[in-house]
Amino acid sequence: MSDSDITSDAYLRKFQKELSAGTVSLVLLAVLAAAPEPMYGYQIAKRLERVGDGVLAGKQSALYPVLRNLGAAGLLDSHVAPSASGPPRRYYRITGAGRRTLAQWIAAWSATRDSVDSVLRTVGDGP
């Protein structure tokens, strides 16, 4: 592997990390909005792996700070419940404010995605 390949790989990883960081809150709210009942962190991580084709998969522990921030903003409620298979689990559910915020974020994401796709199509290799 040449130095330019290493640099290119490093830039790709950095880009993917930044892109993921900007979308994790959106997808967490979406997963919880679609859930019929509250979910705990591991369930959320597994759901993201399944429905996101692994693109958003990462360290499960990275989800918890985002979940805490969303809770502190009033977008999620949480409660701790005992677990038969280990330590107690914190369950999360989306609030009414979270659903309203999710609708706004989906609109903003869609507009951004459409704009970026439009620019990328001019390159010839885009979607």
Protein backbone atom coordinates (compact mmCIF):
# COMPACT_ATOMS: atom_id res chain seq x y z
CA MET A 1 0.00 0.00 0.00
CA SER A 2 1.44 3.36 -0.99
CA ASP A 3 1.58 6.48 1.17
CA SER A 4 -1.16 8.07 -0.94
CA ASP A 5 -3.40 5.02 -0.36
CA ILE A 6 -2.85 5.32 3.40
CA THR A 7 -3.65 9.03 3.28
CA SER A 8 -6.72 8.36 1.16
CA ASP A 9 -7.90 5.68 3.61
CA ALA A 10 -7.34 8.03 6.55
CA TYR A 11 -9.35 10.79 4.86
CA LEU A 12 -12.14 8.32 4.07
CA ARG A 13 -12.30 7.14 7.70
CA LYS A 14 -12.33 10.76 8.91
CA PHE A 15 -15.10 11.65 6.44
CA GLN A 16 -17.16 8.60 7.45
CA LYS A 17 -16.72 9.44 11.15
CA GLU A 18 -17.83 13.04 10.63
CA LEU A 19 -20.77 12.02 8.46
CA SER A 20 -21.87 9.41 10.98
CA ALA A 21 -21.58 11.84 13.89
CA GLY A 22 -23.96 14.20 12.13
CA THR A 23 -26.61 11.54 11.56
CA VAL A 24 -26.59 9.40 14.71
CA SER A 25 -29.14 11.56 16.56
CA LEU A 26 -31.46 11.48 13.56
CA VAL A 27 -31.38 7.70 13.20
CA LEU A 28 -31.67 7.11 16.96
CA LEU A 29 -34.84 9.19 17.05
CA ALA A 30 -36.14 7.37 13.95
CA VAL A 31 -35.49 3.93 15.45
CA LEU A 32 -37.23 4.87 18.68
CA ALA A 33 -40.15 6.49 16.82
CA ALA A 34 -40.71 3.23 14.93
CA ALA A 35 -40.39 1.03 18.03
CA PRO A 36 -43.67 -0.26 19.48
CA GLU A 37 -42.18 -0.20 22.99
CA PRO A 38 -39.18 1.34 24.80
CA MET A 39 -35.78 -0.08 23.83
CA TYR A 40 -32.47 -0.39 25.64
CA GLY A 41 -29.09 0.51 24.12
CA TYR A 42 -28.09 -2.94 22.89
CA GLN A 43 -31.46 -3.38 21.15
CA ILE A 44 -31.05 0.00 19.46
CA ALA A 45 -27.51 -0.87 18.32
CA LYS A 46 -28.70 -4.21 16.88
CA ARG A 47 -31.61 -2.52 15.10
CA LEU A 48 -29.20 -0.03 13.54
CA GLU A 49 -26.99 -2.88 12.35
CA ARG A 50 -29.97 -4.64 10.75
CA VAL A 51 -31.76 -1.74 9.09
CA GLY A 52 -28.72 0.36 8.28
CA ASP A 53 -26.82 -2.36 6.41
CA GLY A 54 -24.00 -1.89 8.90
CA VAL A 55 -23.20 1.62 7.64
CA LEU A 56 -24.14 3.16 10.96
CA ALA A 57 -22.89 0.27 13.05
CA GLY A 58 -20.17 1.13 15.47
CA LYS A 59 -19.28 0.80 19.07
CA GLN A 60 -22.41 0.37 21.12
CA SER A 61 -20.93 2.55 23.84
CA ALA A 62 -20.82 5.49 21.42
CA LEU A 63 -24.64 5.54 21.37
CA TYR A 64 -25.03 6.22 25.08
CA PRO A 65 -23.70 9.79 25.13
CA VAL A 66 -26.04 10.63 22.24
CA LEU A 67 -28.97 8.99 24.02
CA ARG A 68 -28.15 10.99 27.18
CA ASN A 69 -27.97 14.23 25.19
CA LEU A 70 -31.29 13.54 23.49
CA GLY A 71 -32.80 12.82 26.90
CA ALA A 72 -31.38 16.00 28.40
CA ALA A 73 -32.94 17.92 25.50
CA GLY A 74 -36.36 16.43 26.33
CA LEU A 75 -36.50 14.39 23.11
CA LEU A 76 -36.35 11.03 24.91
CA ASP A 77 -37.65 9.65 28.18
CA SER A 78 -35.85 6.83 29.92
CA HIS A 79 -36.29 4.52 32.86
CA VAL A 80 -34.23 1.77 34.45
CA ALA A 81 -35.70 -1.70 34.82
CA PRO A 82 -34.26 -4.92 36.24
CA SER A 83 -32.96 -7.52 33.81
CA ALA A 84 -33.22 -11.27 34.31
CA SER A 85 -29.95 -11.78 32.42
CA GLY A 86 -27.66 -9.20 33.99
CA PRO A 87 -27.52 -5.69 35.38
CA PRO A 88 -30.51 -3.34 35.17
CA ARG A 89 -31.17 -1.82 31.76
CA ARG A 90 -32.05 1.74 30.83
CA TYR A 91 -34.97 1.83 28.38
CA TYR A 92 -35.57 4.78 26.05
CA ARG A 93 -38.68 6.05 24.29
CA ILE A 94 -39.25 9.08 22.13
CA THR A 95 -41.31 11.98 23.55
CA GLY A 96 -43.82 14.20 21.76
CA ALA A 97 -41.12 16.85 21.46
CA GLY A 98 -38.83 14.17 20.05
CA ARG A 99 -41.40 13.25 17.38
CA ARG A 100 -41.81 16.91 16.38
CA THR A 101 -38.03 17.35 16.25
CA LEU A 102 -37.66 14.16 14.23
CA ALA A 103 -40.12 15.49 11.63
CA GLN A 104 -38.08 18.70 11.33
CA TRP A 105 -34.79 16.79 11.11
CA ILE A 106 -36.18 14.45 8.44
CA ALA A 107 -37.18 17.48 6.36
CA ALA A 108 -33.74 19.04 6.85
CA TRP A 109 -32.01 15.73 6.01
CA SER A 110 -34.11 15.28 2.88
CA ALA A 111 -33.36 18.78 1.66
CA THR A 112 -29.64 18.34 2.34
CA ARG A 113 -29.54 14.90 0.71
CA ASP A 114 -31.35 16.18 -2.38
CA SER A 115 -28.99 19.14 -2.66
CA VAL A 116 -25.87 17.00 -2.26
CA ASP A 117 -27.20 14.41 -4.73
CA SER A 118 -27.84 17.19 -7.23
CA VAL A 119 -24.25 18.39 -6.98
CA LEU A 120 -22.85 14.84 -7.10
CA ARG A 121 -24.78 14.07 -10.29
CA THR A 122 -22.79 16.84 -12.01
CA VAL A 123 -19.60 14.88 -11.33
CA GLY A 124 -20.87 11.93 -13.37
CA ASP A 125 -20.13 9.21 -10.81
CA GLY A 126 -22.83 10.32 -8.37
CA PRO A 127 -26.16 8.66 -7.65
